[in-house]
Amino acid sequence: MRILTWNLFHGRSLPNAGRDLLPEFQALIGSWDWDVALLQEVPPWWPAQLPGTDHDTVLTSRNALLPLRRALAVRWPDLMKSDGGSSNAILVRDGRIEARARRRLRLRPERRVVHAVRVDGLWIANMHAQVHTEDGAQADIALAVATLERWAGTGGAGALILGGDLNVVKPIAPGFTRAGGHGVDHVLVRGLQATRVEHPGRGTLSDHAPVIVTVGDSRA
């Protein structure tokens, strides 16, 4: 299975484009080879318009009065930045989501959520940890790991995937190994191993590098 993780920088580019970049993100994400995409800092109205046959979305921070935020962010994305609203999204390239789960990790200093889907019997979770302190980010990761294990109900066994913008270079997740990543963006796995790690070109889109990790059964 090929897992893409990417922080979309609220649909913006560097340098600033001064306009809505949904078509560019649609085309680029659609051009890559992946099965499940874990996305962070996604404009909340984007996921249903991105590639894939199914998706799951959770709102994260700064989403009060979202219709107004959306109107302003579509017109002036580089002025609104994160104030345009934010979400995490999981996209499934082909097929359907069998089950969904979500849990709020914190409200302060900003709302953070872990959410997960089950695809072909495998639970895959996405998160964006808080950025303000390493201790806070590691606490978010620890809670996300414990929550994912409870959702899977595997009693300490079985394959799991947790990915996203973890906002630390070395995430602490007992029982999981780092399958691949770049900077603070990681794909962590349990009961699986990476067979390939790719860093596809993104041009000027986002301030994070996308990562695609191909994972397989660790017993193979």
N, C-alpha and C. Protein backbone atom coordinates (compact mmCIF):
# COMPACT_ATOMS: atom_id res chain seq x y z
N MET A 1 0.85 -1.20 0.00
CA MET A 1 0.00 0.00 0.00
C MET A 1 0.88 1.24 0.00
N ARG A 2 0.51 2.22 -0.80
CA ARG A 2 1.27 3.47 -0.92
C ARG A 2 0.56 4.58 -0.12
N ILE A 3 1.27 5.12 0.86
CA ILE A 3 0.72 6.15 1.75
C ILE A 3 1.39 7.49 1.45
N LEU A 4 0.59 8.47 1.10
CA LEU A 4 1.06 9.84 0.90
C LEU A 4 0.74 10.66 2.14
N THR A 5 1.73 11.40 2.65
CA THR A 5 1.45 12.40 3.68
C THR A 5 1.94 13.75 3.20
N TRP A 6 1.11 14.78 3.40
CA TRP A 6 1.47 16.12 2.92
C TRP A 6 0.67 17.17 3.67
N ASN A 7 1.36 18.18 4.15
CA ASN A 7 0.74 19.38 4.73
C ASN A 7 0.56 20.38 3.58
N LEU A 8 -0.69 20.79 3.32
CA LEU A 8 -0.99 21.62 2.16
C LEU A 8 -0.81 23.12 2.40
N PHE A 9 -0.38 23.52 3.63
CA PHE A 9 -0.06 24.93 3.86
C PHE A 9 -1.27 25.82 3.57
N HIS A 10 -2.46 25.30 3.91
CA HIS A 10 -3.71 26.02 3.71
C HIS A 10 -3.96 26.37 2.25
N GLY A 11 -3.47 25.48 1.37
CA GLY A 11 -3.71 25.68 -0.06
C GLY A 11 -2.91 26.81 -0.66
N ARG A 12 -1.72 27.07 -0.09
CA ARG A 12 -0.92 28.20 -0.53
C ARG A 12 0.39 27.73 -1.15
N SER A 13 1.16 28.66 -1.67
CA SER A 13 2.44 28.36 -2.29
C SER A 13 3.50 29.32 -1.76
N LEU A 14 4.75 28.98 -2.05
CA LEU A 14 5.89 29.87 -1.79
C LEU A 14 6.70 30.00 -3.08
N PRO A 15 6.83 31.22 -3.63
CA PRO A 15 6.26 32.47 -3.13
C PRO A 15 4.74 32.51 -3.28
N ASN A 16 4.12 33.50 -2.65
CA ASN A 16 2.67 33.64 -2.70
C ASN A 16 2.18 33.75 -4.14
N ALA A 17 1.06 33.08 -4.41
CA ALA A 17 0.48 33.13 -5.76
C ALA A 17 -0.58 34.22 -5.87
N GLY A 18 -1.16 34.61 -4.73
CA GLY A 18 -2.18 35.65 -4.76
C GLY A 18 -3.51 35.22 -5.32
N ARG A 19 -3.76 33.89 -5.38
CA ARG A 19 -5.04 33.41 -5.91
C ARG A 19 -5.30 32.00 -5.38
N ASP A 20 -6.52 31.52 -5.60
CA ASP A 20 -6.90 30.18 -5.19
C ASP A 20 -6.14 29.14 -6.02
N LEU A 21 -5.54 28.16 -5.35
CA LEU A 21 -4.69 27.18 -6.02
C LEU A 21 -5.29 25.77 -6.03
N LEU A 22 -6.59 25.66 -5.82
CA LEU A 22 -7.21 24.34 -5.82
C LEU A 22 -6.92 23.56 -7.10
N PRO A 23 -7.05 24.14 -8.30
CA PRO A 23 -6.76 23.35 -9.51
C PRO A 23 -5.34 22.79 -9.55
N GLU A 24 -4.37 23.58 -9.09
CA GLU A 24 -2.99 23.11 -9.09
C GLU A 24 -2.78 21.96 -8.11
N PHE A 25 -3.37 22.07 -6.91
CA PHE A 25 -3.25 20.98 -5.95
C PHE A 25 -3.99 19.74 -6.44
N GLN A 26 -5.15 19.91 -7.03
CA GLN A 26 -5.88 18.77 -7.58
C GLN A 26 -5.02 18.02 -8.60
N ALA A 27 -4.46 18.76 -9.53
CA ALA A 27 -3.69 18.14 -10.61
C ALA A 27 -2.44 17.45 -10.07
N LEU A 28 -1.73 18.09 -9.14
CA LEU A 28 -0.49 17.51 -8.65
C LEU A 28 -0.76 16.25 -7.84
N ILE A 29 -1.72 16.32 -6.92
CA ILE A 29 -2.04 15.14 -6.10
C ILE A 29 -2.53 14.00 -7.00
N GLY A 30 -3.32 14.34 -8.01
CA GLY A 30 -3.82 13.33 -8.91
C GLY A 30 -2.75 12.69 -9.78
N SER A 31 -1.63 13.39 -9.97
CA SER A 31 -0.56 12.86 -10.83
C SER A 31 0.34 11.86 -10.12
N TRP A 32 0.29 11.81 -8.79
CA TRP A 32 1.15 10.91 -8.03
C TRP A 32 0.50 9.55 -7.85
N ASP A 33 1.33 8.54 -7.58
CA ASP A 33 0.86 7.17 -7.39
C ASP A 33 0.74 6.88 -5.90
N TRP A 34 -0.48 6.85 -5.39
CA TRP A 34 -0.73 6.58 -3.98
C TRP A 34 -2.07 5.86 -3.83
N ASP A 35 -2.25 5.21 -2.70
CA ASP A 35 -3.50 4.51 -2.39
C ASP A 35 -4.32 5.26 -1.34
N VAL A 36 -3.64 5.77 -0.32
CA VAL A 36 -4.30 6.54 0.73
C VAL A 36 -3.45 7.79 0.98
N ALA A 37 -4.10 8.95 1.02
CA ALA A 37 -3.41 10.22 1.25
C ALA A 37 -3.81 10.78 2.60
N LEU A 38 -2.82 11.17 3.39
CA LEU A 38 -3.02 11.81 4.70
C LEU A 38 -2.61 13.27 4.55
N LEU A 39 -3.59 14.16 4.63
CA LEU A 39 -3.36 15.58 4.36
C LEU A 39 -3.66 16.41 5.59
N GLN A 40 -2.87 17.47 5.79
CA GLN A 40 -3.08 18.40 6.90
C GLN A 40 -3.12 19.83 6.35
N GLU A 41 -3.65 20.74 7.20
CA GLU A 41 -3.82 22.15 6.82
C GLU A 41 -4.51 22.26 5.45
N VAL A 42 -5.64 21.58 5.36
CA VAL A 42 -6.43 21.56 4.13
C VAL A 42 -7.59 22.54 4.28
N PRO A 43 -7.81 23.44 3.33
CA PRO A 43 -9.03 24.24 3.38
C PRO A 43 -10.24 23.31 3.50
N PRO A 44 -11.14 23.52 4.47
CA PRO A 44 -12.17 22.53 4.76
C PRO A 44 -13.11 22.20 3.60
N TRP A 45 -13.22 23.06 2.60
CA TRP A 45 -14.11 22.80 1.47
C TRP A 45 -13.39 22.06 0.34
N TRP A 46 -12.12 21.75 0.50
CA TRP A 46 -11.35 21.10 -0.55
C TRP A 46 -11.49 19.57 -0.63
N PRO A 47 -11.53 18.82 0.48
CA PRO A 47 -11.40 17.36 0.39
C PRO A 47 -12.33 16.69 -0.62
N ALA A 48 -13.58 17.10 -0.67
CA ALA A 48 -14.52 16.46 -1.61
C ALA A 48 -14.16 16.73 -3.06
N GLN A 49 -13.30 17.73 -3.29
CA GLN A 49 -12.92 18.09 -4.66
C GLN A 49 -11.54 17.54 -5.04
N LEU A 50 -10.88 16.88 -4.11
CA LEU A 50 -9.56 16.31 -4.38
C LEU A 50 -9.70 14.89 -4.92
N PRO A 51 -8.66 14.34 -5.55
CA PRO A 51 -8.77 13.01 -6.15
C PRO A 51 -9.12 11.93 -5.13
N GLY A 52 -9.81 10.89 -5.62
CA GLY A 52 -10.16 9.76 -4.78
C GLY A 52 -11.63 9.40 -4.89
N THR A 53 -11.95 8.19 -4.46
CA THR A 53 -13.33 7.72 -4.50
C THR A 53 -14.03 7.86 -3.16
N ASP A 54 -13.27 8.12 -2.09
CA ASP A 54 -13.86 8.30 -0.77
C ASP A 54 -12.91 9.15 0.06
N HIS A 55 -13.45 9.82 1.08
CA HIS A 55 -12.60 10.64 1.93
C HIS A 55 -13.21 10.80 3.30
N ASP A 56 -12.38 11.21 4.27
CA ASP A 56 -12.84 11.53 5.61
C ASP A 56 -12.18 12.84 6.01
N THR A 57 -12.94 13.75 6.61
CA THR A 57 -12.44 15.08 6.95
C THR A 57 -12.79 15.43 8.39
N VAL A 58 -11.88 16.06 9.10
CA VAL A 58 -12.16 16.60 10.43
C VAL A 58 -11.68 18.04 10.48
N LEU A 59 -12.48 18.90 11.08
CA LEU A 59 -12.08 20.28 11.28
C LEU A 59 -11.07 20.35 12.42
N THR A 60 -10.09 21.24 12.27
CA THR A 60 -9.09 21.39 13.32
C THR A 60 -9.24 22.77 13.99
N SER A 61 -8.53 23.78 13.50
CA SER A 61 -8.53 25.06 14.20
C SER A 61 -9.05 26.20 13.33
N ARG A 62 -9.53 27.24 13.98
CA ARG A 62 -9.91 28.52 13.35
C ARG A 62 -11.01 28.32 12.30
N ASN A 63 -12.09 27.67 12.72
CA ASN A 63 -13.18 27.40 11.80
C ASN A 63 -14.50 28.07 12.19
N ALA A 64 -14.48 28.94 13.20
CA ALA A 64 -15.68 29.69 13.54
C ALA A 64 -16.06 30.60 12.36
N LEU A 65 -17.35 30.74 12.10
CA LEU A 65 -17.84 31.55 10.98
C LEU A 65 -17.20 31.09 9.67
N LEU A 66 -17.18 29.78 9.45
CA LEU A 66 -16.46 29.22 8.32
C LEU A 66 -16.92 29.74 6.95
N PRO A 67 -18.23 29.94 6.71
CA PRO A 67 -18.61 30.49 5.39
C PRO A 67 -17.95 31.83 5.08
N LEU A 68 -17.83 32.69 6.11
CA LEU A 68 -17.15 33.97 5.90
C LEU A 68 -15.66 33.76 5.68
N ARG A 69 -15.06 32.92 6.50
CA ARG A 69 -13.63 32.62 6.32
C ARG A 69 -13.37 32.08 4.91
N ARG A 70 -14.25 31.18 4.46
CA ARG A 70 -14.07 30.59 3.13
C ARG A 70 -14.12 31.66 2.05
N ALA A 71 -15.09 32.54 2.13
CA ALA A 71 -15.22 33.58 1.11
C ALA A 71 -13.98 34.45 1.04
N LEU A 72 -13.43 34.79 2.20
CA LEU A 72 -12.23 35.62 2.23
C LEU A 72 -11.00 34.85 1.78
N ALA A 73 -10.90 33.57 2.19
CA ALA A 73 -9.72 32.78 1.86
C ALA A 73 -9.65 32.45 0.37
N VAL A 74 -10.79 32.23 -0.25
CA VAL A 74 -10.80 31.95 -1.69
C VAL A 74 -10.30 33.17 -2.46
N ARG A 75 -10.68 34.34 -1.98
CA ARG A 75 -10.30 35.57 -2.69
C ARG A 75 -8.89 36.02 -2.33
N TRP A 76 -8.53 35.91 -1.03
CA TRP A 76 -7.22 36.39 -0.58
C TRP A 76 -6.54 35.32 0.28
N PRO A 77 -6.16 34.19 -0.29
CA PRO A 77 -5.59 33.09 0.51
C PRO A 77 -4.31 33.47 1.24
N ASP A 78 -3.47 34.28 0.64
CA ASP A 78 -2.20 34.63 1.27
C ASP A 78 -2.36 35.66 2.37
N LEU A 79 -3.44 36.40 2.35
CA LEU A 79 -3.74 37.33 3.43
C LEU A 79 -4.38 36.58 4.61
N MET A 80 -5.28 35.66 4.33
CA MET A 80 -5.98 34.92 5.39
C MET A 80 -5.09 33.86 6.04
N LYS A 81 -4.27 33.18 5.25
CA LYS A 81 -3.39 32.12 5.76
C LYS A 81 -4.19 31.12 6.58
N SER A 82 -3.75 30.79 7.80
CA SER A 82 -4.46 29.80 8.60
C SER A 82 -5.81 30.29 9.09
N ASP A 83 -6.05 31.59 9.04
CA ASP A 83 -7.34 32.13 9.48
C ASP A 83 -8.46 31.82 8.48
N GLY A 84 -8.10 31.21 7.35
CA GLY A 84 -9.13 30.78 6.41
C GLY A 84 -9.83 29.51 6.82
N GLY A 85 -9.41 28.90 7.92
CA GLY A 85 -9.99 27.64 8.37
C GLY A 85 -9.08 26.49 8.02
N SER A 86 -9.22 25.37 8.75
CA SER A 86 -8.30 24.26 8.53
C SER A 86 -8.96 22.93 8.84
N SER A 87 -8.48 21.90 8.15
CA SER A 87 -8.96 20.55 8.38
C SER A 87 -7.85 19.55 8.10
N ASN A 88 -8.04 18.34 8.57
CA ASN A 88 -7.25 17.19 8.15
C ASN A 88 -8.13 16.36 7.23
N ALA A 89 -7.53 15.69 6.26
CA ALA A 89 -8.30 14.86 5.34
C ALA A 89 -7.57 13.58 5.03
N ILE A 90 -8.33 12.50 4.92
CA ILE A 90 -7.82 11.22 4.44
C ILE A 90 -8.54 10.92 3.13
N LEU A 91 -7.78 10.72 2.06
CA LEU A 91 -8.34 10.39 0.76
C LEU A 91 -8.04 8.94 0.44
N VAL A 92 -9.01 8.24 -0.10
CA VAL A 92 -8.82 6.88 -0.58
C VAL A 92 -8.89 6.91 -2.10
N ARG A 93 -7.82 6.47 -2.75
CA ARG A 93 -7.72 6.60 -4.21
C ARG A 93 -8.78 5.77 -4.93
N ASP A 94 -8.89 4.49 -4.57
CA ASP A 94 -9.87 3.58 -5.15
C ASP A 94 -10.48 2.75 -4.04
N GLY A 95 -11.77 2.51 -4.11
CA GLY A 95 -12.42 1.72 -3.06
C GLY A 95 -13.16 2.60 -2.08
N ARG A 96 -13.59 1.99 -0.98
CA ARG A 96 -14.42 2.68 0.01
C ARG A 96 -13.87 2.52 1.41
N ILE A 97 -14.19 3.48 2.26
CA ILE A 97 -13.83 3.43 3.67
C ILE A 97 -14.79 2.48 4.38
N GLU A 98 -14.23 1.52 5.12
CA GLU A 98 -15.04 0.52 5.81
C GLU A 98 -15.51 0.99 7.18
N ALA A 99 -14.71 1.83 7.83
CA ALA A 99 -15.05 2.35 9.16
C ALA A 99 -14.29 3.64 9.37
N ARG A 100 -14.81 4.49 10.26
CA ARG A 100 -14.21 5.79 10.55
C ARG A 100 -14.18 6.00 12.05
N ALA A 101 -13.19 6.79 12.52
CA ALA A 101 -13.12 7.14 13.94
C ALA A 101 -12.36 8.46 14.06
N ARG A 102 -12.65 9.19 15.13
CA ARG A 102 -11.95 10.46 15.37
C ARG A 102 -11.93 10.77 16.85
N ARG A 103 -10.91 11.51 17.28
CA ARG A 103 -10.82 11.93 18.67
C ARG A 103 -10.11 13.27 18.75
N ARG A 104 -10.68 14.17 19.53
CA ARG A 104 -10.01 15.44 19.78
C ARG A 104 -8.84 15.21 20.73
N LEU A 105 -7.68 15.72 20.35
CA LEU A 105 -6.49 15.57 21.17
C LEU A 105 -6.32 16.72 22.15
N ARG A 106 -6.73 17.92 21.74
CA ARG A 106 -6.61 19.09 22.60
C ARG A 106 -7.43 20.23 22.01
N LEU A 107 -7.76 21.20 22.88
CA LEU A 107 -8.40 22.45 22.44
C LEU A 107 -7.43 23.62 22.47
N ARG A 108 -6.45 23.57 23.37
CA ARG A 108 -5.51 24.68 23.53
C ARG A 108 -4.08 24.18 23.35
N PRO A 109 -3.21 25.00 22.78
CA PRO A 109 -3.45 26.35 22.26
C PRO A 109 -4.28 26.37 20.97
N GLU A 110 -4.39 25.25 20.27
CA GLU A 110 -5.28 25.14 19.13
C GLU A 110 -5.88 23.75 19.09
N ARG A 111 -7.06 23.64 18.51
CA ARG A 111 -7.73 22.36 18.40
C ARG A 111 -6.91 21.40 17.53
N ARG A 112 -6.68 20.21 18.05
CA ARG A 112 -5.97 19.17 17.32
C ARG A 112 -6.79 17.88 17.40
N VAL A 113 -6.81 17.13 16.30
CA VAL A 113 -7.66 15.94 16.18
C VAL A 113 -6.87 14.84 15.50
N VAL A 114 -7.07 13.59 15.95
CA VAL A 114 -6.60 12.44 15.20
C VAL A 114 -7.84 11.76 14.62
N HIS A 115 -7.77 11.37 13.37
CA HIS A 115 -8.87 10.60 12.78
C HIS A 115 -8.30 9.45 12.00
N ALA A 116 -9.12 8.44 11.79
CA ALA A 116 -8.63 7.22 11.15
C ALA A 116 -9.73 6.59 10.33
N VAL A 117 -9.30 5.82 9.34
CA VAL A 117 -10.23 5.04 8.52
C VAL A 117 -9.71 3.61 8.45
N ARG A 118 -10.64 2.69 8.19
CA ARG A 118 -10.23 1.31 7.93
C ARG A 118 -10.44 1.03 6.46
N VAL A 119 -9.37 0.62 5.79
CA VAL A 119 -9.39 0.33 4.36
C VAL A 119 -8.78 -1.06 4.16
N ASP A 120 -9.53 -1.95 3.53
CA ASP A 120 -9.06 -3.33 3.32
C ASP A 120 -8.61 -3.96 4.63
N GLY A 121 -9.35 -3.66 5.71
CA GLY A 121 -9.07 -4.24 7.01
C GLY A 121 -7.95 -3.59 7.79
N LEU A 122 -7.32 -2.56 7.23
CA LEU A 122 -6.18 -1.90 7.86
C LEU A 122 -6.58 -0.51 8.37
N TRP A 123 -6.29 -0.24 9.65
CA TRP A 123 -6.56 1.08 10.21
C TRP A 123 -5.42 2.03 9.90
N ILE A 124 -5.77 3.20 9.36
CA ILE A 124 -4.80 4.21 8.95
C ILE A 124 -5.23 5.54 9.56
N ALA A 125 -4.35 6.16 10.34
CA ALA A 125 -4.69 7.40 11.06
C ALA A 125 -3.87 8.57 10.56
N ASN A 126 -4.45 9.74 10.69
CA ASN A 126 -3.87 11.00 10.24
C ASN A 126 -3.96 12.01 11.37
N MET A 127 -2.91 12.82 11.54
CA MET A 127 -2.95 13.83 12.59
C MET A 127 -2.03 14.99 12.25
N HIS A 128 -2.25 16.10 12.93
CA HIS A 128 -1.38 17.27 12.88
C HIS A 128 -1.16 17.67 14.33
N ALA A 129 0.02 17.36 14.87
CA ALA A 129 0.32 17.67 16.26
C ALA A 129 0.54 19.17 16.44
N GLN A 130 0.42 19.60 17.68
CA GLN A 130 0.59 21.03 17.95
C GLN A 130 2.04 21.45 17.71
N VAL A 131 2.19 22.72 17.35
CA VAL A 131 3.49 23.22 16.93
C VAL A 131 4.22 23.97 18.04
N HIS A 132 3.57 24.31 19.14
CA HIS A 132 4.13 25.27 20.07
C HIS A 132 5.27 24.73 20.93
N THR A 133 5.21 23.46 21.35
CA THR A 133 6.30 22.88 22.13
C THR A 133 6.49 21.42 21.72
N GLU A 134 7.73 20.95 21.85
CA GLU A 134 7.99 19.53 21.54
C GLU A 134 7.24 18.63 22.51
N ASP A 135 7.21 18.99 23.79
CA ASP A 135 6.50 18.17 24.77
C ASP A 135 5.03 18.05 24.40
N GLY A 136 4.44 19.16 23.96
CA GLY A 136 3.05 19.14 23.57
C GLY A 136 2.80 18.26 22.36
N ALA A 137 3.70 18.35 21.38
CA ALA A 137 3.57 17.51 20.18
C ALA A 137 3.72 16.04 20.53
N GLN A 138 4.70 15.72 21.37
CA GLN A 138 4.88 14.32 21.76
C GLN A 138 3.68 13.80 22.55
N ALA A 139 3.06 14.66 23.36
CA ALA A 139 1.86 14.25 24.09
C ALA A 139 0.72 13.96 23.12
N ASP A 140 0.59 14.79 22.07
CA ASP A 140 -0.44 14.53 21.05
C ASP A 140 -0.19 13.19 20.36
N ILE A 141 1.07 12.91 20.04
CA ILE A 141 1.43 11.65 19.37
C ILE A 141 1.10 10.47 20.27
N ALA A 142 1.47 10.57 21.54
CA ALA A 142 1.21 9.47 22.48
C ALA A 142 -0.28 9.18 22.60
N LEU A 143 -1.08 10.22 22.69
CA LEU A 143 -2.53 10.02 22.80
C LEU A 143 -3.10 9.46 21.50
N ALA A 144 -2.58 9.93 20.38
CA ALA A 144 -3.04 9.42 19.09
C ALA A 144 -2.73 7.93 18.94
N VAL A 145 -1.52 7.52 19.34
CA VAL A 145 -1.13 6.11 19.26
C VAL A 145 -2.04 5.25 20.13
N ALA A 146 -2.26 5.67 21.38
CA ALA A 146 -3.11 4.90 22.28
C ALA A 146 -4.54 4.81 21.74
N THR A 147 -5.01 5.89 21.17
CA THR A 147 -6.36 5.92 20.62
C THR A 147 -6.49 5.01 19.41
N LEU A 148 -5.49 5.07 18.52
CA LEU A 148 -5.51 4.22 17.33
C LEU A 148 -5.50 2.75 17.72
N GLU A 149 -4.70 2.39 18.71
CA GLU A 149 -4.65 1.00 19.15
C GLU A 149 -5.99 0.56 19.73
N ARG A 150 -6.66 1.45 20.43
CA ARG A 150 -7.98 1.11 20.97
C ARG A 150 -9.01 0.94 19.87
N TRP A 151 -8.98 1.84 18.87
CA TRP A 151 -9.91 1.70 17.75
C TRP A 151 -9.70 0.38 17.02
N ALA A 152 -8.43 0.02 16.82
CA ALA A 152 -8.15 -1.21 16.09
C ALA A 152 -8.51 -2.45 16.90
N GLY A 153 -8.46 -2.34 18.23
CA GLY A 153 -8.84 -3.45 19.07
C GLY A 153 -7.96 -4.67 18.88
N THR A 154 -6.69 -4.44 18.62
CA THR A 154 -5.80 -5.55 18.30
C THR A 154 -5.06 -6.10 19.51
N GLY A 155 -5.23 -5.48 20.67
CA GLY A 155 -4.58 -6.00 21.86
C GLY A 155 -3.06 -6.04 21.77
N GLY A 156 -2.49 -5.03 21.10
CA GLY A 156 -1.04 -4.96 21.01
C GLY A 156 -0.47 -5.67 19.80
N ALA A 157 -1.32 -6.21 18.95
CA ALA A 157 -0.84 -6.89 17.74
C ALA A 157 -1.60 -6.35 16.54
N GLY A 158 -1.10 -6.67 15.35
CA GLY A 158 -1.79 -6.26 14.15
C GLY A 158 -1.17 -5.03 13.53
N ALA A 159 -1.35 -4.88 12.22
CA ALA A 159 -0.75 -3.78 11.47
C ALA A 159 -1.54 -2.49 11.65
N LEU A 160 -0.81 -1.38 11.80
CA LEU A 160 -1.41 -0.05 11.93
C LEU A 160 -0.51 0.96 11.23
N ILE A 161 -1.11 2.07 10.80
CA ILE A 161 -0.37 3.18 10.19
C ILE A 161 -0.83 4.49 10.82
N LEU A 162 0.13 5.32 11.21
CA LEU A 162 -0.15 6.66 11.71
C LEU A 162 0.77 7.62 10.98
N GLY A 163 0.20 8.61 10.33
CA GLY A 163 1.01 9.57 9.59
C GLY A 163 0.52 10.98 9.76
N GLY A 164 1.33 11.91 9.23
CA GLY A 164 0.92 13.30 9.26
C GLY A 164 2.06 14.23 9.61
N ASP A 165 1.69 15.47 9.90
CA ASP A 165 2.63 16.50 10.35
C ASP A 165 2.71 16.39 11.87
N LEU A 166 3.76 15.74 12.37
CA LEU A 166 3.87 15.47 13.79
C LEU A 166 4.62 16.58 14.53
N ASN A 167 5.14 17.54 13.81
CA ASN A 167 5.78 18.73 14.38
C ASN A 167 6.95 18.41 15.31
N VAL A 168 7.54 17.22 15.13
CA VAL A 168 8.80 16.88 15.79
C VAL A 168 9.63 16.09 14.78
N VAL A 169 10.94 16.21 14.90
CA VAL A 169 11.82 15.47 13.98
C VAL A 169 11.92 14.01 14.37
N LYS A 170 11.87 13.72 15.70
CA LYS A 170 11.97 12.34 16.18
C LYS A 170 10.75 12.01 17.05
N PRO A 171 9.67 11.56 16.43
CA PRO A 171 8.48 11.23 17.20
C PRO A 171 8.70 10.01 18.08
N ILE A 172 8.12 10.04 19.28
CA ILE A 172 8.18 8.92 20.21
C ILE A 172 6.86 8.18 20.15
N ALA A 173 6.90 6.95 19.64
CA ALA A 173 5.69 6.15 19.48
C ALA A 173 6.04 4.69 19.72
N PRO A 174 6.06 4.25 20.98
CA PRO A 174 6.45 2.88 21.29
C PRO A 174 5.63 1.86 20.51
N GLY A 175 6.33 0.87 19.96
CA GLY A 175 5.67 -0.16 19.18
C GLY A 175 5.59 0.16 17.70
N PHE A 176 5.86 1.43 17.35
CA PHE A 176 5.82 1.85 15.95
C PHE A 176 7.25 2.14 15.47
N THR A 177 7.47 2.00 14.19
CA THR A 177 8.72 2.39 13.57
C THR A 177 8.45 3.44 12.51
N ARG A 178 9.46 4.25 12.23
CA ARG A 178 9.33 5.28 11.22
C ARG A 178 9.60 4.66 9.85
N ALA A 179 8.58 4.60 9.02
CA ALA A 179 8.72 4.01 7.69
C ALA A 179 9.31 4.99 6.70
N GLY A 180 9.13 6.29 6.94
CA GLY A 180 9.66 7.31 6.04
C GLY A 180 9.13 8.67 6.44
N GLY A 181 9.74 9.70 5.86
CA GLY A 181 9.28 11.04 6.17
C GLY A 181 10.26 12.09 5.68
N HIS A 182 9.97 13.33 6.06
CA HIS A 182 10.83 14.46 5.71
C HIS A 182 10.59 15.54 6.74
N GLY A 183 11.64 15.90 7.48
CA GLY A 183 11.48 16.94 8.50
C GLY A 183 10.54 16.48 9.60
N VAL A 184 9.43 17.20 9.77
CA VAL A 184 8.46 16.87 10.81
C VAL A 184 7.29 16.04 10.28
N ASP A 185 7.33 15.69 9.01
CA ASP A 185 6.27 14.89 8.40
C ASP A 185 6.69 13.44 8.36
N HIS A 186 5.86 12.54 8.91
CA HIS A 186 6.28 11.16 9.09
C HIS A 186 5.15 10.19 8.74
N VAL A 187 5.55 8.96 8.39
CA VAL A 187 4.65 7.82 8.35
C VAL A 187 5.21 6.79 9.32
N LEU A 188 4.44 6.47 10.37
CA LEU A 188 4.82 5.49 11.37
C LEU A 188 4.00 4.23 11.16
N VAL A 189 4.62 3.08 11.36
CA VAL A 189 3.90 1.82 11.11
C VAL A 189 4.15 0.83 12.25
N ARG A 190 3.19 -0.07 12.42
CA ARG A 190 3.35 -1.21 13.31
C ARG A 190 2.95 -2.46 12.53
N GLY A 191 3.82 -3.49 12.56
CA GLY A 191 3.52 -4.71 11.86
C GLY A 191 3.68 -4.62 10.36
N LEU A 192 4.33 -3.56 9.88
CA LEU A 192 4.58 -3.35 8.47
C LEU A 192 6.01 -2.87 8.28
N GLN A 193 6.49 -2.88 7.06
CA GLN A 193 7.79 -2.33 6.78
C GLN A 193 7.76 -1.56 5.46
N ALA A 194 8.61 -0.56 5.38
CA ALA A 194 8.69 0.25 4.15
C ALA A 194 9.51 -0.49 3.10
N THR A 195 9.00 -0.50 1.89
CA THR A 195 9.75 -1.07 0.77
C THR A 195 10.22 0.01 -0.19
N ARG A 196 9.66 1.21 -0.06
CA ARG A 196 10.08 2.32 -0.91
C ARG A 196 9.63 3.63 -0.29
N VAL A 197 10.48 4.65 -0.37
CA VAL A 197 10.14 6.00 0.10
C VAL A 197 10.45 6.97 -1.03
N GLU A 198 9.45 7.80 -1.39
CA GLU A 198 9.59 8.75 -2.48
C GLU A 198 9.29 10.16 -1.98
N HIS A 199 9.94 11.14 -2.60
CA HIS A 199 9.70 12.55 -2.31
C HIS A 199 9.37 13.25 -3.63
N PRO A 200 8.12 13.15 -4.07
CA PRO A 200 7.77 13.72 -5.38
C PRO A 200 7.90 15.24 -5.39
N GLY A 201 8.23 15.78 -6.54
CA GLY A 201 8.36 17.23 -6.66
C GLY A 201 7.02 17.93 -6.51
N ARG A 202 7.05 19.08 -5.85
CA ARG A 202 5.82 19.84 -5.63
C ARG A 202 5.86 21.22 -6.27
N GLY A 203 6.96 21.56 -6.94
CA GLY A 203 7.06 22.91 -7.47
C GLY A 203 7.08 23.93 -6.35
N THR A 204 6.22 24.94 -6.46
CA THR A 204 6.15 25.98 -5.43
C THR A 204 5.02 25.76 -4.44
N LEU A 205 4.25 24.68 -4.61
CA LEU A 205 3.09 24.46 -3.75
C LEU A 205 3.50 24.03 -2.35
N SER A 206 2.89 24.64 -1.34
CA SER A 206 3.08 24.34 0.07
C SER A 206 4.48 24.73 0.54
N ASP A 207 4.66 24.66 1.86
CA ASP A 207 5.99 24.84 2.46
C ASP A 207 6.49 23.54 3.05
N HIS A 208 5.79 22.44 2.81
CA HIS A 208 6.19 21.11 3.26
C HIS A 208 6.43 20.23 2.04
N ALA A 209 7.34 19.28 2.19
CA ALA A 209 7.61 18.33 1.12
C ALA A 209 6.69 17.12 1.26
N PRO A 210 6.05 16.69 0.19
CA PRO A 210 5.23 15.47 0.25
C PRO A 210 6.11 14.24 0.35
N VAL A 211 5.57 13.21 0.97
CA VAL A 211 6.28 11.94 1.12
C VAL A 211 5.32 10.82 0.76
N ILE A 212 5.77 9.87 -0.06
CA ILE A 212 4.98 8.68 -0.38
C ILE A 212 5.79 7.47 0.08
N VAL A 213 5.19 6.69 1.00
CA VAL A 213 5.84 5.51 1.55
C VAL A 213 5.06 4.27 1.11
N THR A 214 5.75 3.34 0.49
CA THR A 214 5.15 2.06 0.14
C THR A 214 5.43 1.08 1.27
N VAL A 215 4.38 0.49 1.85
CA VAL A 215 4.55 -0.41 2.99
C VAL A 215 3.97 -1.78 2.66
N GLY A 216 4.55 -2.80 3.27
CA GLY A 216 4.08 -4.16 3.08
C GLY A 216 4.19 -4.94 4.38
N ASP A 217 3.75 -6.17 4.35
CA ASP A 217 3.78 -7.04 5.53
C ASP A 217 5.22 -7.24 5.98
N SER A 218 5.47 -7.00 7.27
CA SER A 218 6.83 -7.13 7.78
C SER A 218 7.30 -8.58 7.82
N ARG A 219 6.38 -9.52 7.66
CA ARG A 219 6.76 -10.93 7.68
C ARG A 219 7.14 -11.43 6.29
N ALA A 220 6.91 -10.55 5.26
CA ALA A 220 7.20 -11.00 3.89
C ALA A 220 8.70 -11.12 3.65
